[in-house]
Protein backbone atom coordinates (compact mmCIF):
# COMPACT_ATOMS: atom_id res chain seq x y z
CA MET A 1 6.69 15.75 13.46
CA THR A 2 3.13 15.04 12.41
CA THR A 3 0.71 12.86 14.17
CA ILE A 4 -1.23 10.51 11.74
CA TYR A 5 -3.81 7.97 12.75
CA VAL A 6 -3.55 4.31 11.29
CA THR A 7 -5.89 1.55 11.76
CA ILE A 8 -4.53 -1.85 12.56
CA PHE A 9 -6.80 -4.83 13.56
CA GLY A 10 -9.76 -2.44 13.98
CA ILE A 11 -7.88 -0.07 16.33
CA VAL A 12 -7.01 3.50 15.61
CA VAL A 13 -3.53 4.13 16.60
CA PRO A 14 -1.58 7.49 16.69
CA CYS A 15 1.75 7.53 14.97
CA ASP A 16 4.24 10.30 14.62
CA VAL A 17 5.74 10.72 11.32
CA THR A 18 8.17 13.11 9.37
CA LYS A 19 8.10 13.86 5.60
CA THR A 20 10.61 11.10 4.95
CA THR A 21 8.75 8.28 6.89
CA THR A 22 7.57 5.66 4.41
CA CYS A 23 4.62 3.31 4.47
CA TYR A 24 7.03 0.32 5.26
CA ASP A 25 8.38 2.26 8.19
CA VAL A 26 5.01 2.68 9.74
CA ILE A 27 4.19 -0.96 9.10
CA ARG A 28 7.40 -2.10 10.81
CA LEU A 29 6.79 0.15 13.84
CA LEU A 30 3.19 -1.05 14.45
CA THR A 31 3.66 -4.67 13.67
CA SER A 32 6.98 -5.33 15.21
CA SER A 33 5.67 -7.43 18.08
CA SER A 34 3.40 -9.44 15.66
CA ARG A 35 4.04 -13.08 14.44
CA LYS A 36 5.91 -13.58 11.23
CA ARG A 37 3.19 -12.23 8.94
CA ASP A 38 3.22 -9.96 5.88
CA PHE A 39 1.38 -6.69 6.40
CA ALA A 40 0.58 -3.95 3.68
CA MET A 41 -0.79 -0.42 4.04
CA PHE A 42 -3.96 0.54 2.22
CA GLU A 43 -5.60 3.86 1.53
CA SER A 44 -9.26 3.18 2.47
CA THR A 45 -12.56 4.74 1.68
CA SER A 46 -16.09 3.38 2.22
CA GLU A 47 -16.19 1.95 -1.18
CA LYS A 48 -12.66 0.51 -1.96
CA GLU A 49 -9.03 0.11 -0.77
CA LYS A 50 -6.00 0.86 -2.73
CA LEU A 51 -2.68 -0.76 -2.02
CA LEU A 52 0.09 1.63 -1.27
CA PRO A 53 3.57 1.01 -2.32
CA ARG A 54 6.07 0.45 0.61
CA GLU A 55 8.40 3.13 -0.58
CA SER A 56 5.73 5.88 -0.68
CA PRO A 57 6.16 8.71 1.90
CA VAL A 58 3.06 8.69 4.18
CA LEU A 59 2.64 12.50 4.44
CA LYS A 60 2.88 12.80 0.59
CA VAL A 61 -0.05 10.33 0.36
CA MET A 62 -2.04 12.16 2.73
CA THR A 63 -1.34 15.55 1.27
CA SER A 64 -2.42 14.08 -2.18
CA TRP A 65 -6.03 13.48 -0.79
CA GLY A 66 -6.64 17.31 -0.70
CA THR A 67 -10.13 18.13 0.45
CA GLU A 68 -11.25 14.62 0.26
CA GLY A 69 -8.88 13.57 3.13
CA TYR A 70 -11.72 13.46 5.72
CA MET A 71 -13.26 10.48 3.79
CA LYS A 72 -9.84 8.41 3.71
CA LEU A 73 -8.28 6.15 6.28
CA LEU A 74 -4.90 4.51 6.38
CA VAL A 75 -5.32 0.78 7.12
CA ILE A 76 -2.62 -1.81 8.06
CA ARG A 77 -3.75 -5.40 7.50
CA PRO A 78 -2.11 -8.78 6.94
CA VAL A 79 -2.04 -9.98 3.35
CA ASP A 80 -0.93 -12.88 1.36
CA GLU A 81 2.53 -13.20 -0.39
CA HIS A 82 1.40 -12.09 -3.63
CA THR A 83 -0.05 -8.71 -2.49
CA CYS A 84 3.01 -8.16 -0.44
CA ARG A 85 5.14 -8.64 -3.45
CA LEU A 86 3.01 -6.04 -5.35
CA ALA A 87 3.47 -3.66 -2.52
CA SER A 88 7.26 -3.85 -2.90
CA MET A 89 7.28 -3.28 -6.65
CA SER A 90 7.64 0.07 -8.47
CA ARG A 91 4.66 1.52 -10.19
CA ALA A 92 6.16 0.60 -13.60
CA GLN A 93 6.91 -2.95 -12.58
CA ARG A 94 3.21 -3.25 -11.12
CA ARG A 95 1.87 -1.96 -14.59
CA LEU A 96 3.87 -4.38 -16.39
CA TYR A 97 2.90 -7.21 -14.08
CA ARG A 98 -0.84 -6.49 -14.73
CA LEU A 99 -0.32 -6.33 -18.59
CA VAL A 100 1.46 -9.69 -18.56
CA ARG A 101 -0.84 -11.42 -16.15
CA ASP A 102 -4.31 -10.00 -17.18
CA GLU A 103 -6.04 -12.59 -19.38
CA LYS A 104 -8.80 -10.28 -20.50
CA SER A 105 -6.28 -7.67 -21.77
CA SER A 106 -5.35 -7.35 -25.47
CA ALA A 107 -1.72 -6.36 -24.37
CA ARG A 108 -1.14 -10.03 -23.15
CA ARG A 109 -0.67 -11.16 -26.54
CA VAL A 110 1.83 -8.44 -27.31
CA CYS A 111 3.82 -9.10 -23.98
CA THR A 112 3.77 -12.78 -23.78
CA GLY A 113 7.52 -13.06 -24.26
CA LEU A 114 8.00 -11.35 -20.91
CA ARG A 115 6.38 -14.10 -18.98
CA GLN A 116 8.52 -16.32 -16.76
């Protein structure tokens, strides 16, 4: 087991994970006593936050950081229903969703038949 540190509600919490532990497992562990709210895990730097898919293994995400790992944090925060839905989609589904929904993209005209 490896200990990682996750920030939730501004508090840094240690959490033991294995190589098969997913982001959703960590979210469920740390928010089990919270009210019925949707939470998502983000990879955070001082400049931006990146939404992590729920099925992503946490250790794989952290090892992908490489030498820049000291600059990044894992943050769990409450999100709206739309963001929660994006976190549960696969990478291909998110890409298609952005192409169909993005009004500035020229791909919108090509993909309009996919809209519901």
